[in-house]
PDB file of N, CA and C in Angstrom:
ATOM      1  N   MET A   1       2.425  28.300   1.696  1.00  0.00           N
ATOM      2  CA  MET A   1       1.353  27.993   2.704  1.00  0.00           C
ATOM      3  C   MET A   1       1.564  26.572   2.943  1.00  0.00           C
ATOM      4  N   LYS A   2       1.280  26.251   3.776  1.00  0.00           N
ATOM      5  CA  LYS A   2       1.298  24.648   4.353  1.00  0.00           C
ATOM      6  C   LYS A   2       0.312  24.435   5.360  1.00  0.00           C
ATOM      7  N   VAL A   3      -0.894  23.736   4.459  1.00  0.00           N
ATOM      8  CA  VAL A   3      -2.095  23.348   4.912  1.00  0.00           C
ATOM      9  C   VAL A   3      -2.244  22.008   5.239  1.00  0.00           C
ATOM     10  N   LEU A   4      -2.660  21.573   6.580  1.00  0.00           N
ATOM     11  CA  LEU A   4      -3.108  20.422   6.921  1.00  0.00           C
ATOM     12  C   LEU A   4      -4.714  20.309   6.943  1.00  0.00           C
ATOM     13  N   PHE A   5      -4.955  19.199   6.370  1.00  0.00           N
ATOM     14  CA  PHE A   5      -6.443  18.522   6.490  1.00  0.00           C
ATOM     15  C   PHE A   5      -6.331  17.330   7.490  1.00  0.00           C
ATOM     16  N   VAL A   6      -7.406  17.666   8.483  1.00  0.00           N
ATOM     17  CA  VAL A   6      -7.207  16.596   9.469  1.00  0.00           C
ATOM     18  C   VAL A   6      -8.744  16.130   9.435  1.00  0.00           C
ATOM     19  N   ILE A   7      -8.887  14.636   8.888  1.00  0.00           N
ATOM     20  CA  ILE A   7     -10.131  14.511   8.861  1.00  0.00           C
ATOM     21  C   ILE A   7     -10.702  13.008   9.521  1.00  0.00           C
ATOM     22  N   THR A   8     -11.817  13.551   9.886  1.00  0.00           N
ATOM     23  CA  THR A   8     -12.342  12.259  10.684  1.00  0.00           C
ATOM     24  C   THR A   8     -13.602  11.533  10.459  1.00  0.00           C
ATOM     25  N   SER A   9     -14.335  12.451   9.187  1.00  0.00           N
ATOM     26  CA  SER A   9     -15.435  11.822   8.708  1.00  0.00           C
ATOM     27  C   SER A   9     -15.521  10.940   7.911  1.00  0.00           C
ATOM     28  N   VAL A  10     -16.536  10.082   7.861  1.00  0.00           N
ATOM     29  CA  VAL A  10     -16.383   8.978   6.995  1.00  0.00           C
ATOM     30  C   VAL A  10     -16.412   9.479   5.210  1.00  0.00           C
ATOM     31  N   PRO A  11     -15.580   8.878   4.457  1.00  0.00           N
ATOM     32  CA  PRO A  11     -15.497   9.104   2.910  1.00  0.00           C
ATOM     33  C   PRO A  11     -16.754   9.300   2.243  1.00  0.00           C
ATOM     34  N   PHE A  12     -17.391   8.810   3.043  1.00  0.00           N
ATOM     35  CA  PHE A  12     -19.181   8.559   1.796  1.00  0.00           C
ATOM     36  C   PHE A  12     -19.840  10.073   2.300  1.00  0.00           C
ATOM     37  N   ALA A  13     -19.420  10.726   3.206  1.00  0.00           N
ATOM     38  CA  ALA A  13     -20.135  11.682   3.651  1.00  0.00           C
ATOM     39  C   ALA A  13     -19.997  12.993   2.353  1.00  0.00           C
ATOM     40  N   LYS A  14     -20.576  13.962   2.341  1.00  0.00           N
ATOM     41  CA  LYS A  14     -20.312  15.299   1.491  1.00  0.00           C
ATOM     42  C   LYS A  14     -19.173  16.098   1.347  1.00  0.00           C
ATOM     43  N   ASP A  15     -18.447  15.361   2.553  1.00  0.00           N
ATOM     44  CA  ASP A  15     -17.055  15.960   2.743  1.00  0.00           C
ATOM     45  C   ASP A  15     -16.335  15.763   1.675  1.00  0.00           C
ATOM     46  N   TYR A  16     -16.314  14.576   1.432  1.00  0.00           N
ATOM     47  CA  TYR A  16     -15.360  13.916   0.264  1.00  0.00           C
ATOM     48  C   TYR A  16     -15.032  14.755  -0.805  1.00  0.00           C
ATOM     49  N   VAL A  17     -16.332  15.304  -1.391  1.00  0.00           N
ATOM     50  CA  VAL A  17     -16.058  15.988  -2.798  1.00  0.00           C
ATOM     51  C   VAL A  17     -15.549  17.750  -2.533  1.00  0.00           C
ATOM     52  N   THR A  18     -15.811  18.264  -1.269  1.00  0.00           N
ATOM     53  CA  THR A  18     -15.188  19.032  -0.332  1.00  0.00           C
ATOM     54  C   THR A  18     -13.745  19.297  -0.473  1.00  0.00           C
ATOM     55  N   ILE A  19     -13.327  17.910   0.217  1.00  0.00           N
ATOM     56  CA  ILE A  19     -11.815  18.081   0.277  1.00  0.00           C
ATOM     57  C   ILE A  19     -11.185  17.701  -0.838  1.00  0.00           C
ATOM     58  N   THR A  20     -11.635  16.851  -1.950  1.00  0.00           N
ATOM     59  CA  THR A  20     -10.973  16.923  -3.045  1.00  0.00           C
ATOM     60  C   THR A  20     -10.825  17.877  -4.004  1.00  0.00           C
ATOM     61  N   ASN A  21     -11.575  18.815  -3.980  1.00  0.00           N
ATOM     62  CA  ASN A  21     -11.907  20.296  -4.764  1.00  0.00           C
ATOM     63  C   ASN A  21     -10.772  21.117  -3.676  1.00  0.00           C
ATOM     64  N   LEU A  22     -10.670  21.295  -2.492  1.00  0.00           N
ATOM     65  CA  LEU A  22     -10.214  22.068  -1.774  1.00  0.00           C
ATOM     66  C   LEU A  22      -8.196  21.652  -2.101  1.00  0.00           C
ATOM     67  N   THR A  23      -8.066  20.290  -1.932  1.00  0.00           N
ATOM     68  CA  THR A  23      -6.755  19.885  -2.120  1.00  0.00           C
ATOM     69  C   THR A  23      -6.250  20.084  -3.534  1.00  0.00           C
ATOM     70  N   LYS A  24      -7.144  20.074  -4.820  1.00  0.00           N
ATOM     71  CA  LYS A  24      -6.739  20.257  -5.888  1.00  0.00           C
ATOM     72  C   LYS A  24      -6.345  21.904  -6.019  1.00  0.00           C
ATOM     73  N   SER A  25      -7.238  22.684  -5.866  1.00  0.00           N
ATOM     74  CA  SER A  25      -7.527  24.032  -5.896  1.00  0.00           C
ATOM     75  C   SER A  25      -6.026  24.878  -4.950  1.00  0.00           C
ATOM     76  N   LEU A  26      -5.957  24.055  -3.933  1.00  0.00           N
ATOM     77  CA  LEU A  26      -4.695  24.840  -2.948  1.00  0.00           C
ATOM     78  C   LEU A  26      -3.362  24.300  -3.936  1.00  0.00           C
ATOM     79  N   ALA A  27      -3.172  23.066  -4.089  1.00  0.00           N
ATOM     80  CA  ALA A  27      -2.284  22.410  -4.634  1.00  0.00           C
ATOM     81  C   ALA A  27      -1.638  23.243  -6.216  1.00  0.00           C
ATOM     82  N   SER A  28      -2.915  23.574  -6.886  1.00  0.00           N
ATOM     83  CA  SER A  28      -2.698  24.250  -8.141  1.00  0.00           C
ATOM     84  C   SER A  28      -1.975  25.995  -7.962  1.00  0.00           C
ATOM     85  N   ARG A  29      -2.366  25.985  -6.671  1.00  0.00           N
ATOM     86  CA  ARG A  29      -1.647  27.627  -6.333  1.00  0.00           C
ATOM     87  C   ARG A  29      -0.498  27.194  -5.675  1.00  0.00           C
ATOM     88  N   GLY A  30       0.233  26.251  -5.624  1.00  0.00           N
ATOM     89  CA  GLY A  30       1.617  26.069  -5.025  1.00  0.00           C
ATOM     90  C   GLY A  30       1.682  25.672  -3.701  1.00  0.00           C
ATOM     91  N   HIS A  31       0.522  25.446  -2.748  1.00  0.00           N
ATOM     92  CA  HIS A  31       0.425  25.329  -1.365  1.00  0.00           C
ATOM     93  C   HIS A  31       0.766  23.924  -1.237  1.00  0.00           C
ATOM     94  N   GLU A  32       1.464  23.849  -0.238  1.00  0.00           N
ATOM     95  CA  GLU A  32       1.796  22.175   0.660  1.00  0.00           C
ATOM     96  C   GLU A  32       0.319  21.664   1.292  1.00  0.00           C
ATOM     97  N   VAL A  33      -0.147  20.582   0.862  1.00  0.00           N
ATOM     98  CA  VAL A  33      -1.225  19.949   1.178  1.00  0.00           C
ATOM     99  C   VAL A  33      -0.793  18.703   2.067  1.00  0.00           C
ATOM    100  N   HIS A  34      -1.102  18.281   3.422  1.00  0.00           N
ATOM    101  CA  HIS A  34      -1.106  17.288   3.813  1.00  0.00           C
ATOM    102  C   HIS A  34      -2.461  16.826   4.477  1.00  0.00           C
ATOM    103  N   VAL A  35      -2.661  15.369   4.259  1.00  0.00           N
ATOM    104  CA  VAL A  35      -3.917  15.450   4.794  1.00  0.00           C
ATOM    105  C   VAL A  35      -3.867  14.216   5.384  1.00  0.00           C
ATOM    106  N   PHE A  36      -4.441  14.102   6.697  1.00  0.00           N
ATOM    107  CA  PHE A  36      -4.533  13.088   7.666  1.00  0.00           C
ATOM    108  C   PHE A  36      -5.536  12.482   8.233  1.00  0.00           C
ATOM    109  N   PHE A  37      -5.558  11.356   7.887  1.00  0.00           N
ATOM    110  CA  PHE A  37      -7.188  10.444   7.939  1.00  0.00           C
ATOM    111  C   PHE A  37      -6.780   9.746   9.721  1.00  0.00           C
ATOM    112  N   SER A  38      -8.199  10.093  10.558  1.00  0.00           N
ATOM    113  CA  SER A  38      -7.909   9.730  11.547  1.00  0.00           C
ATOM    114  C   SER A  38      -9.538   9.336  12.118  1.00  0.00           C
ATOM    115  N   GLY A  39      -9.798   8.170  12.897  1.00  0.00           N
ATOM    116  CA  GLY A  39     -11.216   7.875  13.467  1.00  0.00           C
ATOM    117  C   GLY A  39     -11.804   7.279  12.305  1.00  0.00           C
ATOM    118  N   ASN A  40     -13.173   7.744  12.091  1.00  0.00           N
ATOM    119  CA  ASN A  40     -13.894   7.236  11.031  1.00  0.00           C
ATOM    120  C   ASN A  40     -13.086   7.444   9.536  1.00  0.00           C
ATOM    121  N   GLY A  41     -12.237   8.628   9.416  1.00  0.00           N
ATOM    122  CA  GLY A  41     -11.216   9.327   8.366  1.00  0.00           C
ATOM    123  C   GLY A  41     -10.628   8.031   7.584  1.00  0.00           C
ATOM    124  N   ALA A  42     -10.246   6.927   8.612  1.00  0.00           N
ATOM    125  CA  ALA A  42      -9.376   5.808   8.246  1.00  0.00           C
ATOM    126  C   ALA A  42     -10.233   5.138   6.986  1.00  0.00           C
ATOM    127  N   TYR A  43     -11.389   5.168   7.057  1.00  0.00           N
ATOM    128  CA  TYR A  43     -12.185   4.498   5.718  1.00  0.00           C
ATOM    129  C   TYR A  43     -11.814   4.856   4.652  1.00  0.00           C
ATOM    130  N   TYR A  44     -11.409   6.238   4.559  1.00  0.00           N
ATOM    131  CA  TYR A  44     -10.440   6.914   3.192  1.00  0.00           C
ATOM    132  C   TYR A  44      -9.718   5.618   2.692  1.00  0.00           C
ATOM    133  N   LEU A  45      -9.126   4.957   3.302  1.00  0.00           N
ATOM    134  CA  LEU A  45      -7.922   3.996   2.947  1.00  0.00           C
ATOM    135  C   LEU A  45      -8.594   2.796   1.963  1.00  0.00           C
ATOM    136  N   ILE A  46      -9.864   2.833   2.175  1.00  0.00           N
ATOM    137  CA  ILE A  46     -10.416   1.836   1.307  1.00  0.00           C
ATOM    138  C   ILE A  46     -11.346   2.261   0.292  1.00  0.00           C
ATOM    139  N   ARG A  47     -11.492   3.407   0.275  1.00  0.00           N
ATOM    140  CA  ARG A  47     -12.208   3.899  -0.631  1.00  0.00           C
ATOM    141  C   ARG A  47     -11.174   4.184  -2.052  1.00  0.00           C
ATOM    142  N   PRO A  48     -11.558   3.273  -3.367  1.00  0.00           N
ATOM    143  CA  PRO A  48     -10.470   3.386  -4.134  1.00  0.00           C
ATOM    144  C   PRO A  48     -10.284   4.610  -4.651  1.00  0.00           C
ATOM    145  N   GLU A  49     -11.492   5.486  -5.006  1.00  0.00           N
ATOM    146  CA  GLU A  49     -11.098   6.965  -5.156  1.00  0.00           C
ATOM    147  C   GLU A  49     -10.249   8.080  -4.494  1.00  0.00           C
ATOM    148  N   ALA A  50      -9.965   7.953  -3.210  1.00  0.00           N
ATOM    149  CA  ALA A  50      -9.176   8.514  -2.522  1.00  0.00           C
ATOM    150  C   ALA A  50      -7.807   8.553  -2.759  1.00  0.00           C
ATOM    151  N   GLN A  51      -7.309   7.895  -3.739  1.00  0.00           N
ATOM    152  CA  GLN A  51      -5.905   7.769  -3.905  1.00  0.00           C
ATOM    153  C   GLN A  51      -6.057   9.018  -4.839  1.00  0.00           C
ATOM    154  N   SER A  52      -6.952   9.319  -5.581  1.00  0.00           N
ATOM    155  CA  SER A  52      -6.610  10.398  -6.281  1.00  0.00           C
ATOM    156  C   SER A  52      -6.159  11.661  -5.537  1.00  0.00           C
ATOM    157  N   LEU A  53      -6.430  11.860  -4.134  1.00  0.00           N
ATOM    158  CA  LEU A  53      -5.944  12.834  -3.526  1.00  0.00           C
ATOM    159  C   LEU A  53      -4.465  12.655  -3.486  1.00  0.00           C
ATOM    160  N   SER A  54      -3.875  11.584  -3.634  1.00  0.00           N
ATOM    161  CA  SER A  54      -2.258  11.629  -3.591  1.00  0.00           C
ATOM    162  C   SER A  54      -1.376  12.490  -4.585  1.00  0.00           C
ATOM    163  N   GLU A  55      -2.706  12.565  -5.668  1.00  0.00           N
ATOM    164  CA  GLU A  55      -2.027  13.370  -6.899  1.00  0.00           C
ATOM    165  C   GLU A  55      -1.857  15.043  -6.758  1.00  0.00           C
ATOM    166  N   HIS A  56      -2.553  15.550  -6.100  1.00  0.00           N
ATOM    167  CA  HIS A  56      -2.532  16.817  -5.415  1.00  0.00           C
ATOM    168  C   HIS A  56      -1.884  16.822  -3.634  1.00  0.00           C
ATOM    169  N   CYS A  57      -1.493  16.101  -3.310  1.00  0.00           N
ATOM    170  CA  CYS A  57      -1.239  16.198  -1.618  1.00  0.00           C
ATOM    171  C   CYS A  57       0.439  16.026  -1.529  1.00  0.00           C
ATOM    172  N   THR A  58       0.778  17.102  -0.770  1.00  0.00           N
ATOM    173  CA  THR A  58       2.105  16.674  -0.692  1.00  0.00           C
ATOM    174  C   THR A  58       2.663  15.335   0.159  1.00  0.00           C
ATOM    175  N   ARG A  59       1.764  15.201   1.412  1.00  0.00           N
ATOM    176  CA  ARG A  59       1.555  13.914   2.092  1.00  0.00           C
ATOM    177  C   ARG A  59       0.197  13.636   2.614  1.00  0.00           C
ATOM    178  N   ILE A  60       0.089  12.379   2.228  1.00  0.00           N
ATOM    179  CA  ILE A  60      -1.239  11.607   2.865  1.00  0.00           C
ATOM    180  C   ILE A  60      -0.769  10.610   4.154  1.00  0.00           C
ATOM    181  N   SER A  61      -1.383  10.915   5.423  1.00  0.00           N
ATOM    182  CA  SER A  61      -0.810   9.934   6.511  1.00  0.00           C
ATOM    183  C   SER A  61      -2.128   9.430   6.907  1.00  0.00           C
ATOM    184  N   PHE A  62      -1.999   8.292   8.077  1.00  0.00           N
ATOM    185  CA  PHE A  62      -3.552   8.251   8.855  1.00  0.00           C
ATOM    186  C   PHE A  62      -3.094   7.745  10.106  1.00  0.00           C
ATOM    187  N   CYS A  63      -4.017   7.657  11.012  1.00  0.00           N
ATOM    188  CA  CYS A  63      -3.322   6.843  12.247  1.00  0.00           C
ATOM    189  C   CYS A  63      -3.769   5.541  12.178  1.00  0.00           C
ATOM    190  N   SER A  64      -2.594   4.800  12.467  1.00  0.00           N
ATOM    191  CA  SER A  64      -2.733   3.476  12.457  1.00  0.00           C
ATOM    192  C   SER A  64      -3.571   2.532  13.227  1.00  0.00           C
ATOM    193  N   HIS A  65      -3.489   3.156  14.243  1.00  0.00           N
ATOM    194  CA  HIS A  65      -4.527   3.041  15.550  1.00  0.00           C
ATOM    195  C   HIS A  65      -5.790   2.816  15.365  1.00  0.00           C
ATOM    196  N   SER A  66      -6.203   3.754  14.792  1.00  0.00           N
ATOM    197  CA  SER A  66      -8.150   4.060  13.878  1.00  0.00           C
ATOM    198  C   SER A  66      -8.195   3.337  13.063  1.00  0.00           C
ATOM    199  N   SER A  67      -7.011   2.877  12.302  1.00  0.00           N
ATOM    200  CA  SER A  67      -7.232   1.839  10.917  1.00  0.00           C
ATOM    201  C   SER A  67      -7.599   0.324  11.544  1.00  0.00           C
ATOM    202  N   ARG A  68      -6.458   0.034  12.566  1.00  0.00           N
ATOM    203  CA  ARG A  68      -6.596  -1.303  13.168  1.00  0.00           C
ATOM    204  C   ARG A  68      -8.069  -1.731  14.099  1.00  0.00           C
ATOM    205  N   GLN A  69      -8.370  -0.375  14.393  1.00  0.00           N
ATOM    206  CA  GLN A  69      -9.728  -0.455  15.243  1.00  0.00           C
ATOM    207  C   GLN A  69     -11.082  -0.517  14.053  1.00  0.00           C
ATOM    208  N   ARG A  70     -10.935   0.014  13.124  1.00  0.00           N
ATOM    209  CA  ARG A  70     -11.899  -0.352  12.030  1.00  0.00           C
ATOM    210  C   ARG A  70     -11.796  -1.714  11.287  1.00  0.00           C
ATOM    211  N   GLY A  71     -10.455  -2.368  11.308  1.00  0.00           N
ATOM    212  CA  GLY A  71     -10.198  -3.631  10.448  1.00  0.00           C
ATOM    213  C   GLY A  71      -9.577  -3.695   9.244  1.00  0.00           C
ATOM    214  N   ILE A  72      -9.078  -2.152   9.336  1.00  0.00           N
ATOM    215  CA  ILE A  72      -8.420  -1.912   7.836  1.00  0.00           C
ATOM    216  C   ILE A  72      -6.910  -2.481   7.809  1.00  0.00           C
ATOM    217  N   ASN A  73      -6.745  -3.595   7.607  1.00  0.00           N
ATOM    218  CA  ASN A  73      -5.166  -3.718   8.008  1.00  0.00           C
ATOM    219  C   ASN A  73      -4.501  -3.965   6.331  1.00  0.00           C
ATOM    220  N   ILE A  74      -4.955  -3.235   5.237  1.00  0.00           N
ATOM    221  CA  ILE A  74      -4.041  -3.044   4.055  1.00  0.00           C
ATOM    222  C   ILE A  74      -4.086  -1.567   4.184  1.00  0.00           C
ATOM    223  N   VAL A  75      -2.840  -1.282   3.983  1.00  0.00           N
ATOM    224  CA  VAL A  75      -2.389   0.071   3.889  1.00  0.00           C
ATOM    225  C   VAL A  75      -1.859   0.179   2.252  1.00  0.00           C
ATOM    226  N   PRO A  76      -2.462   1.109   1.732  1.00  0.00           N
ATOM    227  CA  PRO A  76      -2.130   1.327   0.590  1.00  0.00           C
ATOM    228  C   PRO A  76      -0.869   2.312   0.598  1.00  0.00           C
ATOM    229  N   ASP A  77      -0.326   2.112  -0.828  1.00  0.00           N
ATOM    230  CA  ASP A  77       1.073   2.726  -1.389  1.00  0.00           C
ATOM    231  C   ASP A  77       1.010   4.245  -1.178  1.00  0.00           C
ATOM    232  N   TRP A  78       0.089   4.922  -1.170  1.00  0.00           N
ATOM    233  CA  TRP A  78      -0.053   6.242  -1.371  1.00  0.00           C
ATOM    234  C   TRP A  78      -0.085   6.986  -0.118  1.00  0.00           C
ATOM    235  N   ALA A  79      -0.402   6.136   1.015  1.00  0.00           N
ATOM    236  CA  ALA A  79      -0.633   6.791   2.317  1.00  0.00           C
ATOM    237  C   ALA A  79       0.388   6.229   3.342  1.00  0.00           C
ATOM    238  N   GLU A  80       0.778   7.075   4.275  1.00  0.00           N
ATOM    239  CA  GLU A  80       1.638   6.354   5.267  1.00  0.00           C
ATOM    240  C   GLU A  80       1.176   6.246   6.649  1.00  0.00           C
ATOM    241  N   SER A  81       1.653   5.339   7.170  1.00  0.00           N
ATOM    242  CA  SER A  81       1.223   5.018   8.857  1.00  0.00           C
ATOM    243  C   SER A  81       2.123   6.057   9.560  1.00  0.00           C
ATOM    244  N   SER A  82       0.784   6.603  10.666  1.00  0.00           N
ATOM    245  CA  SER A  82       1.403   7.675  11.633  1.00  0.00           C
ATOM    246  C   SER A  82       0.593   7.462  12.862  1.00  0.00           C
ATOM    247  N   SER A  83       0.612   8.682  13.598  1.00  0.00           N
ATOM    248  CA  SER A  83      -0.514   8.357  14.688  1.00  0.00           C
ATOM    249  C   SER A  83      -0.919  10.008  15.127  1.00  0.00           C
ATOM    250  N   THR A  84      -1.928   9.905  15.802  1.00  0.00           N
ATOM    251  CA  THR A  84      -2.288  11.286  16.164  1.00  0.00           C
ATOM    252  C   THR A  84      -1.035  11.662  16.871  1.00  0.00           C
ATOM    253  N   TYR A  85      -0.476  11.569  17.709  1.00  0.00           N
ATOM    254  CA  TYR A  85       0.583  11.910  18.772  1.00  0.00           C
ATOM    255  C   TYR A  85       1.932  12.356  17.843  1.00  0.00           C
ATOM    256  N   SER A  86       2.131  11.928  16.646  1.00  0.00           N
ATOM    257  CA  SER A  86       2.908  12.312  15.844  1.00  0.00           C
ATOM    258  C   SER A  86       2.174  13.598  15.278  1.00  0.00           C
ATOM    259  N   LEU A  87       1.002  13.670  14.789  1.00  0.00           N
ATOM    260  CA  LEU A  87       0.641  14.691  14.455  1.00  0.00           C
ATOM    261  C   LEU A  87       0.180  15.958  15.194  1.00  0.00           C
ATOM    262  N   SER A  88       0.176  15.481  16.390  1.00  0.00           N
ATOM    263  CA  SER A  88       0.248  16.617  17.117  1.00  0.00           C
ATOM    264  C   SER A  88       1.315  17.319  17.476  1.00  0.00           C
ATOM    265  N   LYS A  89       2.542  16.663  17.466  1.00  0.00           N
ATOM    266  CA  LYS A  89       4.049  17.222  17.608  1.00  0.00           C
ATOM    267  C   LYS A  89       4.102  18.011  16.279  1.00  0.00           C
ATOM    268  N   SER A  90       3.659  17.777  15.220  1.00  0.00           N
ATOM    269  CA  SER A  90       3.921  18.700  14.108  1.00  0.00           C
ATOM    270  C   SER A  90       2.745  19.733  13.537  1.00  0.00           C
ATOM    271  N   LEU A  91       2.048  20.106  14.508  1.00  0.00           N
ATOM    272  CA  LEU A  91       0.866  21.098  14.157  1.00  0.00           C
ATOM    273  C   LEU A  91       1.565  22.636  13.944  1.00  0.00           C
ATOM    274  N   SER A  92       2.678  22.762  14.912  1.00  0.00           N
ATOM    275  CA  SER A  92       3.117  23.911  14.646  1.00  0.00           C
ATOM    276  C   SER A  92       3.723  24.300  13.252  1.00  0.00           C
ATOM    277  N   GLU A  93       4.152  23.298  12.815  1.00  0.00           N
ATOM    278  CA  GLU A  93       4.776  23.259  11.237  1.00  0.00           C
ATOM    279  C   GLU A  93       3.427  23.847  10.117  1.00  0.00           C
ATOM    280  N   TYR A  94       2.241  24.172  10.135  1.00  0.00           N
ATOM    281  CA  TYR A  94       1.287  24.277   9.442  1.00  0.00           C
ATOM    282  C   TYR A  94       0.864  25.854   9.624  1.00  0.00           C
ATOM    283  N   ASP A  95       0.260  26.483   8.664  1.00  0.00           N
ATOM    284  CA  ASP A  95       0.288  27.748   8.686  1.00  0.00           C
ATOM    285  C   ASP A  95      -1.338  27.829   8.586  1.00  0.00           C
ATOM    286  N   ARG A  96      -2.178  26.525   8.409  1.00  0.00           N
ATOM    287  CA  ARG A  96      -3.539  26.586   8.407  1.00  0.00           C
ATOM    288  C   ARG A  96      -4.066  25.181   8.712  1.00  0.00           C
ATOM    289  N   VAL A  97      -4.748  24.712   9.347  1.00  0.00           N
ATOM    290  CA  VAL A  97      -5.522  23.263   9.917  1.00  0.00           C
ATOM    291  C   VAL A  97      -6.664  23.392   9.970  1.00  0.00           C
ATOM    292  N   ILE A  98      -7.323  22.667   9.122  1.00  0.00           N
ATOM    293  CA  ILE A  98      -8.949  22.454   8.913  1.00  0.00           C
ATOM    294  C   ILE A  98      -8.995  21.195   9.060  1.00  0.00           C
ATOM    295  N   VAL A  99     -10.452  21.188  10.015  1.00  0.00           N
ATOM    296  CA  VAL A  99     -10.872  19.552  10.308  1.00  0.00           C
ATOM    297  C   VAL A  99     -11.995  19.439   9.890  1.00  0.00           C
ATOM    298  N   PHE A 100     -12.401  18.481   9.192  1.00  0.00           N
ATOM    299  CA  PHE A 100     -13.407  17.677   8.693  1.00  0.00           C
ATOM    300  C   PHE A 100     -13.926  16.637   9.784  1.00  0.00           C
ATOM    301  N   ASN A 101     -14.946  17.017  10.580  1.00  0.00           N
ATOM    302  CA  ASN A 101     -15.557  15.828  11.327  1.00  0.00           C
ATOM    303  C   ASN A 101     -16.820  15.566  10.957  1.00  0.00           C
TER     304      ASN A 101
END
């Protein structure tokens, strides 16, 4: 199963632990997990612990416009720059889409 997490909540919210546990659990069961950061979710890019998500996810990407709006100019090597437009074009590829807002 292909699962997409769209994260728009800040990484300092309770969602962080939930997202981490879900990605670990799904990956351990052989599911493909893609995490997309948008809006305030772009702040995950500057949280050092967020890199651990890349150990469990097939793909991690973020909205480059959201990151620039929030003054995040350094792109970590564990995440790829993308856009919400690209995300919208690929939604049909996923079996499940879960949004954390």
